[in-house]
C-alpha atoms as a PDB file:
ATOM      1  CA  UNK A   1     -22.947 -18.840  36.237  1.00  0.00           C
ATOM      2  CA  UNK A   2     -20.639 -19.763  39.154  1.00  0.00           C
ATOM      3  CA  UNK A   3     -16.793 -19.687  39.022  1.00  0.00           C
ATOM      4  CA  UNK A   4     -15.568 -22.718  37.188  1.00  0.00           C
ATOM      5  CA  UNK A   5     -18.701 -23.522  35.153  1.00  0.00           C
ATOM      6  CA  UNK A   6     -19.232 -23.463  31.464  1.00  0.00           C
ATOM      7  CA  UNK A   7     -22.240 -24.290  29.582  1.00  0.00           C
ATOM      8  CA  UNK A   8     -21.643 -27.099  27.438  1.00  0.00           C
ATOM      9  CA  UNK A   9     -22.918 -27.343  23.604  1.00  0.00           C
ATOM     10  CA  UNK A  10     -26.811 -28.192  24.642  1.00  0.00           C
ATOM     11  CA  UNK A  11     -26.478 -25.175  26.722  1.00  0.00           C
ATOM     12  CA  UNK A  12     -26.248 -27.561  30.457  1.00  0.00           C
ATOM     13  CA  UNK A  13     -23.692 -26.606  33.213  1.00  0.00           C
ATOM     14  CA  UNK A  14     -21.161 -28.697  34.085  1.00  0.00           C
ATOM     15  CA  UNK A  15     -18.577 -28.071  36.777  1.00  0.00           C
ATOM     16  CA  UNK A  16     -14.857 -28.203  35.873  1.00  0.00           C
ATOM     17  CA  UNK A  17     -13.212 -30.457  38.251  1.00  0.00           C
ATOM     18  CA  UNK A  18      -9.513 -32.118  38.242  1.00  0.00           C
ATOM     19  CA  UNK A  19      -8.610 -35.961  37.958  1.00  0.00           C
ATOM     20  CA  UNK A  20      -5.659 -36.399  40.617  1.00  0.00           C
ATOM     21  CA  UNK A  21      -3.615 -39.606  39.046  1.00  0.00           C
ATOM     22  CA  UNK A  22      -1.268 -39.046  41.771  1.00  0.00           C
ATOM     23  CA  UNK A  23      -3.802 -40.937  44.223  1.00  0.00           C
ATOM     24  CA  UNK A  24      -3.717 -44.068  41.841  1.00  0.00           C
ATOM     25  CA  UNK A  25      -0.253 -46.426  41.401  1.00  0.00           C
ATOM     26  CA  UNK A  26       1.670 -46.176  37.842  1.00  0.00           C
ATOM     27  CA  UNK A  27      -0.023 -49.953  36.887  1.00  0.00           C
ATOM     28  CA  UNK A  28      -3.471 -48.194  37.460  1.00  0.00           C
ATOM     29  CA  UNK A  29      -3.149 -45.917  35.064  1.00  0.00           C
ATOM     30  CA  UNK A  30      -1.048 -47.835  32.345  1.00  0.00           C
ATOM     31  CA  UNK A  31      -3.277 -46.973  29.541  1.00  0.00           C
ATOM     32  CA  UNK A  32      -3.547 -45.436  26.071  1.00  0.00           C
ATOM     33  CA  UNK A  33      -5.364 -42.105  25.329  1.00  0.00           C
ATOM     34  CA  UNK A  34      -5.877 -41.343  21.250  1.00  0.00           C
ATOM     35  CA  UNK A  35      -8.177 -37.845  20.930  1.00  0.00           C
ATOM     36  CA  UNK A  36      -8.777 -36.761  17.352  1.00  0.00           C
ATOM     37  CA  UNK A  37     -11.323 -34.505  15.533  1.00  0.00           C
ATOM     38  CA  UNK A  38     -13.426 -36.100  12.570  1.00  0.00           C
ATOM     39  CA  UNK A  39     -13.722 -32.917  10.134  1.00  0.00           C
ATOM     40  CA  UNK A  40     -16.673 -34.945   8.342  1.00  0.00           C
ATOM     41  CA  UNK A  41     -18.790 -35.189  11.274  1.00  0.00           C
ATOM     42  CA  UNK A  42     -17.738 -32.026  13.406  1.00  0.00           C
ATOM     43  CA  UNK A  43     -16.819 -34.269  16.423  1.00  0.00           C
ATOM     44  CA  UNK A  44     -14.015 -34.969  18.777  1.00  0.00           C
ATOM     45  CA  UNK A  45     -13.730 -38.584  18.861  1.00  0.00           C
ATOM     46  CA  UNK A  46     -11.531 -40.423  21.534  1.00  0.00           C
ATOM     47  CA  UNK A  47     -10.672 -44.414  22.827  1.00  0.00           C
ATOM     48  CA  UNK A  48      -9.233 -45.170  26.000  1.00  0.00           C
ATOM     49  CA  UNK A  49      -7.710 -48.468  26.209  1.00  0.00           C
ATOM     50  CA  UNK A  50      -5.432 -50.374  29.011  1.00  0.00           C
ATOM     51  CA  UNK A  51      -2.143 -51.170  27.780  1.00  0.00           C
ATOM     52  CA  UNK A  52      -1.863 -54.383  29.936  1.00  0.00           C
ATOM     53  CA  UNK A  53      -5.582 -55.694  28.401  1.00  0.00           C
ATOM     54  CA  UNK A  54      -6.227 -55.449  24.988  1.00  0.00           C
ATOM     55  CA  UNK A  55     -10.098 -56.369  25.659  1.00  0.00           C
ATOM     56  CA  UNK A  56     -10.261 -53.390  28.175  1.00  0.00           C
ATOM     57  CA  UNK A  57     -11.079 -50.765  25.739  1.00  0.00           C
ATOM     58  CA  UNK A  58     -13.874 -47.406  25.951  1.00  0.00           C
ATOM     59  CA  UNK A  59     -14.263 -44.747  23.233  1.00  0.00           C
ATOM     60  CA  UNK A  60     -16.751 -41.560  22.920  1.00  0.00           C
ATOM     61  CA  UNK A  61     -17.074 -38.346  20.677  1.00  0.00           C
ATOM     62  CA  UNK A  62     -18.420 -35.155  21.623  1.00  0.00           C
ATOM     63  CA  UNK A  63     -19.048 -32.159  19.784  1.00  0.00           C
ATOM     64  CA  UNK A  64     -16.947 -29.592  22.085  1.00  0.00           C
ATOM     65  CA  UNK A  65     -13.242 -30.347  23.157  1.00  0.00           C
ATOM     66  CA  UNK A  66     -14.274 -29.111  26.382  1.00  0.00           C
ATOM     67  CA  UNK A  67     -16.641 -32.272  26.798  1.00  0.00           C
ATOM     68  CA  UNK A  68     -14.681 -35.237  25.340  1.00  0.00           C
ATOM     69  CA  UNK A  69     -11.668 -33.925  27.623  1.00  0.00           C
ATOM     70  CA  UNK A  70     -14.578 -34.270  30.476  1.00  0.00           C
ATOM     71  CA  UNK A  71     -15.846 -37.604  29.227  1.00  0.00           C
ATOM     72  CA  UNK A  72     -11.909 -38.710  29.049  1.00  0.00           C
ATOM     73  CA  UNK A  73     -11.845 -37.990  32.648  1.00  0.00           C
ATOM     74  CA  UNK A  74     -14.486 -39.813  33.965  1.00  0.00           C
ATOM     75  CA  UNK A  75     -14.023 -42.717  31.965  1.00  0.00           C
ATOM     76  CA  UNK A  76     -10.996 -42.868  33.152  1.00  0.00           C
ATOM     77  CA  UNK A  77     -12.056 -42.535  37.007  1.00  0.00           C
ATOM     78  CA  UNK A  78     -14.691 -45.064  35.535  1.00  0.00           C
ATOM     79  CA  UNK A  79     -11.507 -47.870  34.507  1.00  0.00           C
ATOM     80  CA  UNK A  80      -9.447 -47.359  37.400  1.00  0.00           C
ATOM     81  CA  UNK A  81     -11.855 -47.690  40.061  1.00  0.00           C
ATOM     82  CA  UNK A  82     -15.532 -47.983  38.545  1.00  0.00           C
ATOM     83  CA  UNK A  83     -16.640 -47.243  42.918  1.00  0.00           C
ATOM     84  CA  UNK A  84     -15.231 -43.243  42.391  1.00  0.00           C
ATOM     85  CA  UNK A  85     -17.045 -42.772  39.479  1.00  0.00           C
END
């Protein structure tokens, strides 16, 4: 396995990457992020919602924290600029 790679829960490799928010204006990243662990289903759950548009919300879940955070990162990229996702 190459440096910076980890296996996710399904045994697949995923590459670590960083989301650099400094390329976006504050208005573009004005959103609320909620992340919690649900013991009953053993899942990390998350929601992303726009602070300016109540209809702009995404959510997801994953068994592993790293996978959930990667999903959040990718969803932020998509919400801010769908063409870069």
